[in-house]
Amino acid sequence: MSELAFLLLLFGLPAAIGFQMARRRGKNPFFWGLLSGIFPFFLVVLKLQHKPLDKKAAP
């Protein structure tokens, strides 16, 4: 059950917010809802592939 809640928060909440914001501004709500729902996934992927640059090699 916690995985489902995590997925809904990760994808569903931003998609719903993007959908509502697009409706208020007169834009295409389905496009912006889809785009807002997918965007956090790409942020997670980028975060997991990030390698810190500040590690210094010991002599």
PDB file of N, CA and C in Angstrom:
ATOM      1  N   MET A   1       0.818  -1.198   0.000  1.00  0.00           N
ATOM      2  CA  MET A   1       0.000   0.000   0.000  1.00  0.00           C
ATOM      3  C   MET A   1       0.860   1.259   0.000  1.00  0.00           C
ATOM      4  N   SER A   2       2.009   1.215   0.657  1.00  0.00           N
ATOM      5  CA  SER A   2       2.848   2.408   0.706  1.00  0.00           C
ATOM      6  C   SER A   2       3.467   2.715  -0.660  1.00  0.00           C
ATOM      7  N   GLU A   3       3.697   1.671  -1.485  1.00  0.00           N
ATOM      8  CA  GLU A   3       4.228   1.916  -2.824  1.00  0.00           C
ATOM      9  C   GLU A   3       3.207   2.662  -3.682  1.00  0.00           C
ATOM     10  N   LEU A   4       1.949   2.296  -3.525  1.00  0.00           N
ATOM     11  CA  LEU A   4       0.893   2.969  -4.280  1.00  0.00           C
ATOM     12  C   LEU A   4       0.776   4.435  -3.862  1.00  0.00           C
ATOM     13  N   ALA A   5       0.871   4.688  -2.572  1.00  0.00           N
ATOM     14  CA  ALA A   5       0.808   6.069  -2.086  1.00  0.00           C
ATOM     15  C   ALA A   5       2.002   6.868  -2.606  1.00  0.00           C
ATOM     16  N   PHE A   6       3.179   6.247  -2.631  1.00  0.00           N
ATOM     17  CA  PHE A   6       4.370   6.919  -3.144  1.00  0.00           C
ATOM     18  C   PHE A   6       4.206   7.267  -4.621  1.00  0.00           C
ATOM     19  N   LEU A   7       3.700   6.321  -5.408  1.00  0.00           N
ATOM     20  CA  LEU A   7       3.509   6.582  -6.835  1.00  0.00           C
ATOM     21  C   LEU A   7       2.471   7.665  -7.079  1.00  0.00           C
ATOM     22  N   LEU A   8       1.412   7.658  -6.282  1.00  0.00           N
ATOM     23  CA  LEU A   8       0.399   8.702  -6.435  1.00  0.00           C
ATOM     24  C   LEU A   8       0.958  10.072  -6.083  1.00  0.00           C
ATOM     25  N   LEU A   9       1.798  10.133  -5.059  1.00  0.00           N
ATOM     26  CA  LEU A   9       2.402  11.416  -4.698  1.00  0.00           C
ATOM     27  C   LEU A   9       3.443  11.852  -5.722  1.00  0.00           C
ATOM     28  N   LEU A  10       4.187  10.884  -6.269  1.00  0.00           N
ATOM     29  CA  LEU A  10       5.251  11.217  -7.215  1.00  0.00           C
ATOM     30  C   LEU A  10       4.700  11.646  -8.569  1.00  0.00           C
ATOM     31  N   PHE A  11       3.657  10.953  -9.047  1.00  0.00           N
ATOM     32  CA  PHE A  11       3.122  11.242 -10.377  1.00  0.00           C
ATOM     33  C   PHE A  11       1.778  11.955 -10.335  1.00  0.00           C
ATOM     34  N   GLY A  12       0.887  11.517  -9.472  1.00  0.00           N
ATOM     35  CA  GLY A  12      -0.483  12.014  -9.478  1.00  0.00           C
ATOM     36  C   GLY A  12      -0.632  13.436  -8.995  1.00  0.00           C
ATOM     37  N   LEU A  13       0.022  13.773  -7.916  1.00  0.00           N
ATOM     38  CA  LEU A  13      -0.117  15.116  -7.355  1.00  0.00           C
ATOM     39  C   LEU A  13       0.414  16.196  -8.296  1.00  0.00           C
ATOM     40  N   PRO A  14       1.634  16.064  -8.831  1.00  0.00           N
ATOM     41  CA  PRO A  14       2.082  17.089  -9.788  1.00  0.00           C
ATOM     42  C   PRO A  14       1.222  17.146 -11.047  1.00  0.00           C
ATOM     43  N   ALA A  15       0.726  15.985 -11.493  1.00  0.00           N
ATOM     44  CA  ALA A  15      -0.136  15.974 -12.682  1.00  0.00           C
ATOM     45  C   ALA A  15      -1.438  16.712 -12.409  1.00  0.00           C
ATOM     46  N   ALA A  16      -2.017  16.502 -11.241  1.00  0.00           N
ATOM     47  CA  ALA A  16      -3.267  17.180 -10.895  1.00  0.00           C
ATOM     48  C   ALA A  16      -3.056  18.688 -10.759  1.00  0.00           C
ATOM     49  N   ILE A  17      -1.950  19.076 -10.164  1.00  0.00           N
ATOM     50  CA  ILE A  17      -1.652  20.507 -10.019  1.00  0.00           C
ATOM     51  C   ILE A  17      -1.414  21.146 -11.385  1.00  0.00           C
ATOM     52  N   GLY A  18      -0.650  20.471 -12.255  1.00  0.00           N
ATOM     53  CA  GLY A  18      -0.421  20.986 -13.603  1.00  0.00           C
ATOM     54  C   GLY A  18      -1.698  21.077 -14.410  1.00  0.00           C
ATOM     55  N   PHE A  19      -2.581  20.093 -14.241  1.00  0.00           N
ATOM     56  CA  PHE A  19      -3.875  20.091 -14.928  1.00  0.00           C
ATOM     57  C   PHE A  19      -4.706  21.297 -14.505  1.00  0.00           C
ATOM     58  N   GLN A  20      -4.780  21.530 -13.201  1.00  0.00           N
ATOM     59  CA  GLN A  20      -5.578  22.648 -12.683  1.00  0.00           C
ATOM     60  C   GLN A  20      -4.997  23.997 -13.106  1.00  0.00           C
ATOM     61  N   MET A  21      -3.685  24.130 -13.046  1.00  0.00           N
ATOM     62  CA  MET A  21      -3.064  25.397 -13.437  1.00  0.00           C
ATOM     63  C   MET A  21      -3.295  25.688 -14.920  1.00  0.00           C
ATOM     64  N   ALA A  22      -3.212  24.650 -15.757  1.00  0.00           N
ATOM     65  CA  ALA A  22      -3.437  24.845 -17.191  1.00  0.00           C
ATOM     66  C   ALA A  22      -4.892  25.210 -17.474  1.00  0.00           C
ATOM     67  N   ARG A  23      -5.822  24.610 -16.751  1.00  0.00           N
ATOM     68  CA  ARG A  23      -7.244  24.953 -16.952  1.00  0.00           C
ATOM     69  C   ARG A  23      -7.505  26.405 -16.600  1.00  0.00           C
ATOM     70  N   ARG A  24      -6.897  26.878 -15.508  1.00  0.00           N
ATOM     71  CA  ARG A  24      -7.111  28.270 -15.098  1.00  0.00           C
ATOM     72  C   ARG A  24      -6.515  29.253 -16.094  1.00  0.00           C
ATOM     73  N   ARG A  25      -5.433  28.859 -16.755  1.00  0.00           N
ATOM     74  CA  ARG A  25      -4.761  29.778 -17.674  1.00  0.00           C
ATOM     75  C   ARG A  25      -5.207  29.617 -19.118  1.00  0.00           C
ATOM     76  N   GLY A  26      -6.106  28.683 -19.386  1.00  0.00           N
ATOM     77  CA  GLY A  26      -6.612  28.505 -20.739  1.00  0.00           C
ATOM     78  C   GLY A  26      -5.702  27.709 -21.647  1.00  0.00           C
ATOM     79  N   LYS A  27      -4.779  26.949 -21.096  1.00  0.00           N
ATOM     80  CA  LYS A  27      -3.882  26.106 -21.890  1.00  0.00           C
ATOM     81  C   LYS A  27      -4.475  24.709 -22.003  1.00  0.00           C
ATOM     82  N   ASN A  28      -3.780  23.822 -22.705  1.00  0.00           N
ATOM     83  CA  ASN A  28      -4.237  22.441 -22.861  1.00  0.00           C
ATOM     84  C   ASN A  28      -3.977  21.678 -21.558  1.00  0.00           C
ATOM     85  N   PRO A  29      -5.019  21.358 -20.780  1.00  0.00           N
ATOM     86  CA  PRO A  29      -4.804  20.732 -19.475  1.00  0.00           C
ATOM     87  C   PRO A  29      -4.279  19.306 -19.555  1.00  0.00           C
ATOM     88  N   PHE A  30      -4.641  18.559 -20.595  1.00  0.00           N
ATOM     89  CA  PHE A  30      -4.168  17.179 -20.694  1.00  0.00           C
ATOM     90  C   PHE A  30      -2.675  17.122 -20.989  1.00  0.00           C
ATOM     91  N   PHE A  31      -2.215  18.006 -21.864  1.00  0.00           N
ATOM     92  CA  PHE A  31      -0.786  18.076 -22.169  1.00  0.00           C
ATOM     93  C   PHE A  31       0.014  18.464 -20.930  1.00  0.00           C
ATOM     94  N   TRP A  32      -0.416  19.509 -20.239  1.00  0.00           N
ATOM     95  CA  TRP A  32       0.326  19.975 -19.078  1.00  0.00           C
ATOM     96  C   TRP A  32       0.206  19.013 -17.901  1.00  0.00           C
ATOM     97  N   GLY A  33      -0.925  18.337 -17.783  1.00  0.00           N
ATOM     98  CA  GLY A  33      -1.058  17.319 -16.746  1.00  0.00           C
ATOM     99  C   GLY A  33      -0.107  16.163 -16.976  1.00  0.00           C
ATOM    100  N   LEU A  34      -0.021  15.718 -18.228  1.00  0.00           N
ATOM    101  CA  LEU A  34       0.898  14.632 -18.570  1.00  0.00           C
ATOM    102  C   LEU A  34       2.344  15.062 -18.373  1.00  0.00           C
ATOM    103  N   LEU A  35       2.672  16.252 -18.840  1.00  0.00           N
ATOM    104  CA  LEU A  35       4.036  16.754 -18.702  1.00  0.00           C
ATOM    105  C   LEU A  35       4.417  16.925 -17.231  1.00  0.00           C
ATOM    106  N   SER A  36       3.511  17.442 -16.434  1.00  0.00           N
ATOM    107  CA  SER A  36       3.780  17.636 -15.007  1.00  0.00           C
ATOM    108  C   SER A  36       3.853  16.309 -14.265  1.00  0.00           C
ATOM    109  N   GLY A  37       3.163  15.302 -14.750  1.00  0.00           N
ATOM    110  CA  GLY A  37       3.203  13.996 -14.105  1.00  0.00           C
ATOM    111  C   GLY A  37       4.477  13.234 -14.392  1.00  0.00           C
ATOM    112  N   ILE A  38       5.061  13.441 -15.574  1.00  0.00           N
ATOM    113  CA  ILE A  38       6.271  12.715 -15.966  1.00  0.00           C
ATOM    114  C   ILE A  38       7.534  13.402 -15.452  1.00  0.00           C
ATOM    115  N   PHE A  39       7.514  14.709 -15.328  1.00  0.00           N
ATOM    116  CA  PHE A  39       8.708  15.484 -14.964  1.00  0.00           C
ATOM    117  C   PHE A  39       9.382  15.024 -13.669  1.00  0.00           C
ATOM    118  N   PRO A  40       8.661  14.755 -12.572  1.00  0.00           N
ATOM    119  CA  PRO A  40       9.345  14.318 -11.346  1.00  0.00           C
ATOM    120  C   PRO A  40      10.105  13.003 -11.511  1.00  0.00           C
ATOM    121  N   PHE A  41       9.618  12.116 -12.378  1.00  0.00           N
ATOM    122  CA  PHE A  41      10.323  10.857 -12.626  1.00  0.00           C
ATOM    123  C   PHE A  41      11.707  11.123 -13.206  1.00  0.00           C
ATOM    124  N   PHE A  42      11.799  12.061 -14.149  1.00  0.00           N
ATOM    125  CA  PHE A  42      13.093  12.383 -14.736  1.00  0.00           C
ATOM    126  C   PHE A  42      14.018  13.040 -13.718  1.00  0.00           C
ATOM    127  N   LEU A  43      13.469  13.807 -12.801  1.00  0.00           N
ATOM    128  CA  LEU A  43      14.297  14.376 -11.738  1.00  0.00           C
ATOM    129  C   LEU A  43      14.869  13.290 -10.838  1.00  0.00           C
ATOM    130  N   VAL A  44      14.076  12.270 -10.537  1.00  0.00           N
ATOM    131  CA  VAL A  44      14.558  11.154  -9.714  1.00  0.00           C
ATOM    132  C   VAL A  44      15.658  10.407 -10.447  1.00  0.00           C
ATOM    133  N   VAL A  45      15.488  10.158 -11.734  1.00  0.00           N
ATOM    134  CA  VAL A  45      16.507   9.460 -12.519  1.00  0.00           C
ATOM    135  C   VAL A  45      17.799  10.261 -12.548  1.00  0.00           C
ATOM    136  N   LEU A  46      17.703  11.565 -12.770  1.00  0.00           N
ATOM    137  CA  LEU A  46      18.906  12.397 -12.777  1.00  0.00           C
ATOM    138  C   LEU A  46      19.588  12.413 -11.419  1.00  0.00           C
ATOM    139  N   LYS A  47      18.814  12.438 -10.350  1.00  0.00           N
ATOM    140  CA  LYS A  47      19.385  12.445  -9.008  1.00  0.00           C
ATOM    141  C   LYS A  47      20.123  11.138  -8.722  1.00  0.00           C
ATOM    142  N   LEU A  48      19.563  10.013  -9.161  1.00  0.00           N
ATOM    143  CA  LEU A  48      20.197   8.723  -8.907  1.00  0.00           C
ATOM    144  C   LEU A  48      21.455   8.520  -9.745  1.00  0.00           C
ATOM    145  N   GLN A  49      21.572   9.202 -10.862  1.00  0.00           N
ATOM    146  CA  GLN A  49      22.751   9.049 -11.707  1.00  0.00           C
ATOM    147  C   GLN A  49      23.810  10.108 -11.442  1.00  0.00           C
ATOM    148  N   HIS A  50      23.535  11.013 -10.540  1.00  0.00           N
ATOM    149  CA  HIS A  50      24.475  12.092 -10.230  1.00  0.00           C
ATOM    150  C   HIS A  50      25.671  11.552  -9.460  1.00  0.00           C
ATOM    151  N   LYS A  51      26.856  11.936  -9.887  1.00  0.00           N
ATOM    152  CA  LYS A  51      28.075  11.575  -9.172  1.00  0.00           C
ATOM    153  C   LYS A  51      28.678  12.868  -8.629  1.00  0.00           C
ATOM    154  N   PRO A  52      28.869  12.948  -7.333  1.00  0.00           N
ATOM    155  CA  PRO A  52      29.407  14.188  -6.757  1.00  0.00           C
ATOM    156  C   PRO A  52      30.777  14.533  -7.340  1.00  0.00           C
ATOM    157  N   LEU A  53      30.986  15.800  -7.600  1.00  0.00           N
ATOM    158  CA  LEU A  53      32.247  16.252  -8.169  1.00  0.00           C
ATOM    159  C   LEU A  53      33.245  16.689  -7.107  1.00  0.00           C
ATOM    160  N   ASP A  54      32.794  16.849  -5.860  1.00  0.00           N
ATOM    161  CA  ASP A  54      33.667  17.392  -4.834  1.00  0.00           C
ATOM    162  C   ASP A  54      34.565  16.344  -4.179  1.00  0.00           C
ATOM    163  N   LYS A  55      34.464  15.084  -4.541  1.00  0.00           N
ATOM    164  CA  LYS A  55      35.357  14.080  -3.962  1.00  0.00           C
ATOM    165  C   LYS A  55      36.747  14.253  -4.559  1.00  0.00           C
ATOM    166  N   LYS A  56      37.711  14.440  -3.687  1.00  0.00           N
ATOM    167  CA  LYS A  56      39.082  14.643  -4.137  1.00  0.00           C
ATOM    168  C   LYS A  56      39.854  13.339  -3.989  1.00  0.00           C
ATOM    169  N   ALA A  57      40.700  13.082  -4.939  1.00  0.00           N
ATOM    170  CA  ALA A  57      41.515  11.865  -4.895  1.00  0.00           C
ATOM    171  C   ALA A  57      42.626  12.053  -3.869  1.00  0.00           C
ATOM    172  N   ALA A  58      42.754  11.074  -3.009  1.00  0.00           N
ATOM    173  CA  ALA A  58      43.805  11.142  -1.982  1.00  0.00           C
ATOM    174  C   ALA A  58      45.151  10.810  -2.621  1.00  0.00           C
ATOM    175  N   PRO A  59      46.201  11.557  -2.275  1.00  0.00           N
ATOM    176  CA  PRO A  59      47.531  11.298  -2.881  1.00  0.00           C
ATOM    177  C   PRO A  59      48.169  10.046  -2.348  1.00  0.00           C
TER     178      PRO A  59
END
